[in-house]
C-alpha atoms as a PDB file:
ATOM      1  CA  UNK A   1     132.995 146.195 202.610  1.00  0.00           C
ATOM      2  CA  UNK A   2     133.958 142.873 201.048  1.00  0.00           C
ATOM      3  CA  UNK A   3     134.573 139.478 202.679  1.00  0.00           C
ATOM      4  CA  UNK A   4     138.237 138.550 202.167  1.00  0.00           C
ATOM      5  CA  UNK A   5     139.240 135.389 204.051  1.00  0.00           C
ATOM      6  CA  UNK A   6     138.886 133.144 207.065  1.00  0.00           C
ATOM      7  CA  UNK A   7     142.065 132.480 209.044  1.00  0.00           C
ATOM      8  CA  UNK A   8     142.605 129.307 211.007  1.00  0.00           C
ATOM      9  CA  UNK A   9     145.700 128.387 212.995  1.00  0.00           C
ATOM     10  CA  UNK A  10     147.236 125.025 212.182  1.00  0.00           C
ATOM     11  CA  UNK A  11     149.529 122.927 214.332  1.00  0.00           C
ATOM     12  CA  UNK A  12     151.335 121.125 211.485  1.00  0.00           C
ATOM     13  CA  UNK A  13     151.603 122.923 208.138  1.00  0.00           C
ATOM     14  CA  UNK A  14     152.497 119.875 206.038  1.00  0.00           C
ATOM     15  CA  UNK A  15     149.685 117.788 207.537  1.00  0.00           C
ATOM     16  CA  UNK A  16     147.262 120.673 207.014  1.00  0.00           C
ATOM     17  CA  UNK A  17     148.323 121.174 203.389  1.00  0.00           C
ATOM     18  CA  UNK A  18     147.992 117.439 202.748  1.00  0.00           C
ATOM     19  CA  UNK A  19     144.460 117.666 204.147  1.00  0.00           C
ATOM     20  CA  UNK A  20     143.230 120.940 202.596  1.00  0.00           C
ATOM     21  CA  UNK A  21     145.028 120.634 199.233  1.00  0.00           C
ATOM     22  CA  UNK A  22     145.675 116.902 198.856  1.00  0.00           C
ATOM     23  CA  UNK A  23     142.376 115.575 200.195  1.00  0.00           C
ATOM     24  CA  UNK A  24     139.833 118.409 200.103  1.00  0.00           C
ATOM     25  CA  UNK A  25     141.091 119.800 196.789  1.00  0.00           C
ATOM     26  CA  UNK A  26     141.771 123.440 197.672  1.00  0.00           C
ATOM     27  CA  UNK A  27     144.438 125.280 195.664  1.00  0.00           C
ATOM     28  CA  UNK A  28     147.388 127.153 197.168  1.00  0.00           C
ATOM     29  CA  UNK A  29     147.255 130.743 195.901  1.00  0.00           C
ATOM     30  CA  UNK A  30     150.211 132.270 197.722  1.00  0.00           C
ATOM     31  CA  UNK A  31     152.524 131.768 200.689  1.00  0.00           C
ATOM     32  CA  UNK A  32     154.306 134.234 202.937  1.00  0.00           C
ATOM     33  CA  UNK A  33     157.193 133.219 205.191  1.00  0.00           C
ATOM     34  CA  UNK A  34     157.925 135.705 207.998  1.00  0.00           C
ATOM     35  CA  UNK A  35     161.212 134.607 209.647  1.00  0.00           C
ATOM     36  CA  UNK A  36     161.348 137.555 212.049  1.00  0.00           C
ATOM     37  CA  UNK A  37     157.886 136.673 213.352  1.00  0.00           C
ATOM     38  CA  UNK A  38     158.487 132.918 213.014  1.00  0.00           C
ATOM     39  CA  UNK A  39     155.262 132.188 211.138  1.00  0.00           C
ATOM     40  CA  UNK A  40     154.012 131.148 207.718  1.00  0.00           C
ATOM     41  CA  UNK A  41     150.779 132.191 206.016  1.00  0.00           C
ATOM     42  CA  UNK A  42     149.351 130.024 203.248  1.00  0.00           C
ATOM     43  CA  UNK A  43     146.308 131.241 201.339  1.00  0.00           C
ATOM     44  CA  UNK A  44     144.033 128.686 199.709  1.00  0.00           C
ATOM     45  CA  UNK A  45     141.089 129.054 197.354  1.00  0.00           C
ATOM     46  CA  UNK A  46     138.381 126.711 196.189  1.00  0.00           C
ATOM     47  CA  UNK A  47     139.242 125.384 192.701  1.00  0.00           C
ATOM     48  CA  UNK A  48     136.399 127.366 191.094  1.00  0.00           C
ATOM     49  CA  UNK A  49     137.835 130.566 192.639  1.00  0.00           C
ATOM     50  CA  UNK A  50     141.497 129.902 191.774  1.00  0.00           C
ATOM     51  CA  UNK A  51     141.750 132.439 188.962  1.00  0.00           C
ATOM     52  CA  UNK A  52     139.788 135.122 190.754  1.00  0.00           C
ATOM     53  CA  UNK A  53     140.736 134.751 194.416  1.00  0.00           C
ATOM     54  CA  UNK A  54     143.235 137.582 194.654  1.00  0.00           C
ATOM     55  CA  UNK A  55     142.001 139.675 191.722  1.00  0.00           C
ATOM     56  CA  UNK A  56     138.373 139.909 192.831  1.00  0.00           C
ATOM     57  CA  UNK A  57     138.799 138.949 196.459  1.00  0.00           C
ATOM     58  CA  UNK A  58     136.841 135.721 196.252  1.00  0.00           C
ATOM     59  CA  UNK A  59     136.952 134.323 199.796  1.00  0.00           C
ATOM     60  CA  UNK A  60     140.143 132.521 200.728  1.00  0.00           C
ATOM     61  CA  UNK A  61     141.173 130.231 203.554  1.00  0.00           C
ATOM     62  CA  UNK A  62     144.304 131.461 205.343  1.00  0.00           C
ATOM     63  CA  UNK A  63     146.324 128.815 207.181  1.00  0.00           C
ATOM     64  CA  UNK A  64     148.549 130.387 209.842  1.00  0.00           C
ATOM     65  CA  UNK A  65     151.384 128.266 211.208  1.00  0.00           C
ATOM     66  CA  UNK A  66     153.443 129.589 214.138  1.00  0.00           C
ATOM     67  CA  UNK A  67     156.814 127.834 213.869  1.00  0.00           C
ATOM     68  CA  UNK A  68     157.730 127.599 217.547  1.00  0.00           C
ATOM     69  CA  UNK A  69     154.321 126.865 218.981  1.00  0.00           C
ATOM     70  CA  UNK A  70     153.660 123.563 220.681  1.00  0.00           C
ATOM     71  CA  UNK A  71     150.230 124.804 221.673  1.00  0.00           C
ATOM     72  CA  UNK A  72     147.440 122.272 221.287  1.00  0.00           C
ATOM     73  CA  UNK A  73     144.793 123.981 219.209  1.00  0.00           C
ATOM     74  CA  UNK A  74     141.225 123.562 220.319  1.00  0.00           C
ATOM     75  CA  UNK A  75     138.315 124.658 218.184  1.00  0.00           C
ATOM     76  CA  UNK A  76     134.936 124.550 219.837  1.00  0.00           C
ATOM     77  CA  UNK A  77     131.498 124.526 218.270  1.00  0.00           C
ATOM     78  CA  UNK A  78     131.034 128.176 219.250  1.00  0.00           C
ATOM     79  CA  UNK A  79     133.464 129.046 216.450  1.00  0.00           C
ATOM     80  CA  UNK A  80     131.142 127.602 213.816  1.00  0.00           C
ATOM     81  CA  UNK A  81     132.375 126.180 210.528  1.00  0.00           C
ATOM     82  CA  UNK A  82     133.602 126.822 206.999  1.00  0.00           C
ATOM     83  CA  UNK A  83     131.135 126.102 204.175  1.00  0.00           C
ATOM     84  CA  UNK A  84     131.701 125.193 200.517  1.00  0.00           C
ATOM     85  CA  UNK A  85     129.262 124.447 197.679  1.00  0.00           C
ATOM     86  CA  UNK A  86     130.061 121.383 195.594  1.00  0.00           C
ATOM     87  CA  UNK A  87     128.746 120.092 192.253  1.00  0.00           C
ATOM     88  CA  UNK A  88     128.091 116.541 193.519  1.00  0.00           C
ATOM     89  CA  UNK A  89     127.957 116.065 197.286  1.00  0.00           C
ATOM     90  CA  UNK A  90     127.877 112.262 197.026  1.00  0.00           C
ATOM     91  CA  UNK A  91     130.987 112.109 194.839  1.00  0.00           C
ATOM     92  CA  UNK A  92     132.788 114.696 196.983  1.00  0.00           C
ATOM     93  CA  UNK A  93     132.071 112.789 200.216  1.00  0.00           C
ATOM     94  CA  UNK A  94     133.149 109.518 198.594  1.00  0.00           C
ATOM     95  CA  UNK A  95     136.416 111.100 197.408  1.00  0.00           C
ATOM     96  CA  UNK A  96     137.066 112.448 200.917  1.00  0.00           C
ATOM     97  CA  UNK A  97     136.321 109.068 202.514  1.00  0.00           C
ATOM     98  CA  UNK A  98     138.598 107.332 199.997  1.00  0.00           C
ATOM     99  CA  UNK A  99     141.343 109.763 201.088  1.00  0.00           C
ATOM    100  CA  UNK A 100     140.824 108.785 204.742  1.00  0.00           C
ATOM    101  CA  UNK A 101     138.640 111.714 205.841  1.00  0.00           C
ATOM    102  CA  UNK A 102     135.813 110.890 208.277  1.00  0.00           C
ATOM    103  CA  UNK A 103     132.428 112.222 207.198  1.00  0.00           C
ATOM    104  CA  UNK A 104     130.950 113.283 210.550  1.00  0.00           C
ATOM    105  CA  UNK A 105     127.490 114.104 209.179  1.00  0.00           C
ATOM    106  CA  UNK A 106     126.810 112.165 205.965  1.00  0.00           C
ATOM    107  CA  UNK A 107     124.730 113.692 203.146  1.00  0.00           C
ATOM    108  CA  UNK A 108     121.651 111.606 203.964  1.00  0.00           C
ATOM    109  CA  UNK A 109     119.409 114.324 202.512  1.00  0.00           C
ATOM    110  CA  UNK A 110     121.523 114.760 199.353  1.00  0.00           C
ATOM    111  CA  UNK A 111     122.101 118.373 200.376  1.00  0.00           C
ATOM    112  CA  UNK A 112     124.458 118.759 203.348  1.00  0.00           C
ATOM    113  CA  UNK A 113     127.450 117.014 204.948  1.00  0.00           C
ATOM    114  CA  UNK A 114     130.146 117.848 207.524  1.00  0.00           C
ATOM    115  CA  UNK A 115     133.736 116.732 208.141  1.00  0.00           C
ATOM    116  CA  UNK A 116     136.629 118.067 210.259  1.00  0.00           C
ATOM    117  CA  UNK A 117     140.199 119.120 209.551  1.00  0.00           C
ATOM    118  CA  UNK A 118     143.220 117.734 211.440  1.00  0.00           C
ATOM    119  CA  UNK A 119     142.925 120.812 213.712  1.00  0.00           C
ATOM    120  CA  UNK A 120     139.252 120.083 214.465  1.00  0.00           C
ATOM    121  CA  UNK A 121     137.801 122.780 212.191  1.00  0.00           C
ATOM    122  CA  UNK A 122     134.292 121.838 211.122  1.00  0.00           C
ATOM    123  CA  UNK A 123     133.610 122.054 207.361  1.00  0.00           C
ATOM    124  CA  UNK A 124     130.150 122.013 205.794  1.00  0.00           C
ATOM    125  CA  UNK A 125     129.537 120.853 202.233  1.00  0.00           C
ATOM    126  CA  UNK A 126     126.383 122.050 200.491  1.00  0.00           C
ATOM    127  CA  UNK A 127     125.031 120.629 197.259  1.00  0.00           C
ATOM    128  CA  UNK A 128     124.959 123.232 194.480  1.00  0.00           C
ATOM    129  CA  UNK A 129     121.395 123.705 193.224  1.00  0.00           C
ATOM    130  CA  UNK A 130     118.719 121.205 194.197  1.00  0.00           C
ATOM    131  CA  UNK A 131     119.444 118.384 196.625  1.00  0.00           C
ATOM    132  CA  UNK A 132     120.481 115.087 195.060  1.00  0.00           C
ATOM    133  CA  UNK A 133     118.202 112.086 195.535  1.00  0.00           C
ATOM    134  CA  UNK A 134     119.044 110.336 198.830  1.00  0.00           C
ATOM    135  CA  UNK A 135     121.052 107.163 198.118  1.00  0.00           C
ATOM    136  CA  UNK A 136     123.059 104.510 199.934  1.00  0.00           C
ATOM    137  CA  UNK A 137     125.470 104.322 201.621  1.00  0.00           C
ATOM    138  CA  UNK A 138     124.653 107.833 202.823  1.00  0.00           C
ATOM    139  CA  UNK A 139     120.992 107.268 203.779  1.00  0.00           C
ATOM    140  CA  UNK A 140     121.833 104.701 206.473  1.00  0.00           C
ATOM    141  CA  UNK A 141     125.211 106.068 207.534  1.00  0.00           C
ATOM    142  CA  UNK A 142     125.145 107.397 211.126  1.00  0.00           C
ATOM    143  CA  UNK A 143     126.681 110.624 212.374  1.00  0.00           C
ATOM    144  CA  UNK A 144     130.190 110.209 213.801  1.00  0.00           C
ATOM    145  CA  UNK A 145     131.353 112.446 216.647  1.00  0.00           C
ATOM    146  CA  UNK A 146     130.476 116.124 216.590  1.00  0.00           C
ATOM    147  CA  UNK A 147     130.277 118.388 213.601  1.00  0.00           C
END
């Protein structure tokens, strides 16, 4: 058995791609349009997994967009979250904030942070290796909303 992907439904494909690719930095690996089923699947990989995602089945994020759905998507905390390791959690959070993403749980400890997608999917960032030294503005930044 091998972990393949996590699928999340999205309400607006362009907004979701702007978020996941444009702001978070994921890479689109492949896309499947299914006109008879009226849906699109877009598979994303973390940049470090781009060359290996399909070949070795590195975990992917599958965005599923149902063309005719006006359904409001709700994602509760019982679902959990996606998690990604990053080389520099402070720089990654700063880049996300500069792109307009709210950091719901700042990396006060230099090790962990959370933010949410436009469809309310919670995403955890974990510092690769040892935690970074706690620094401002993160140390005094409060939590915002739920994560």
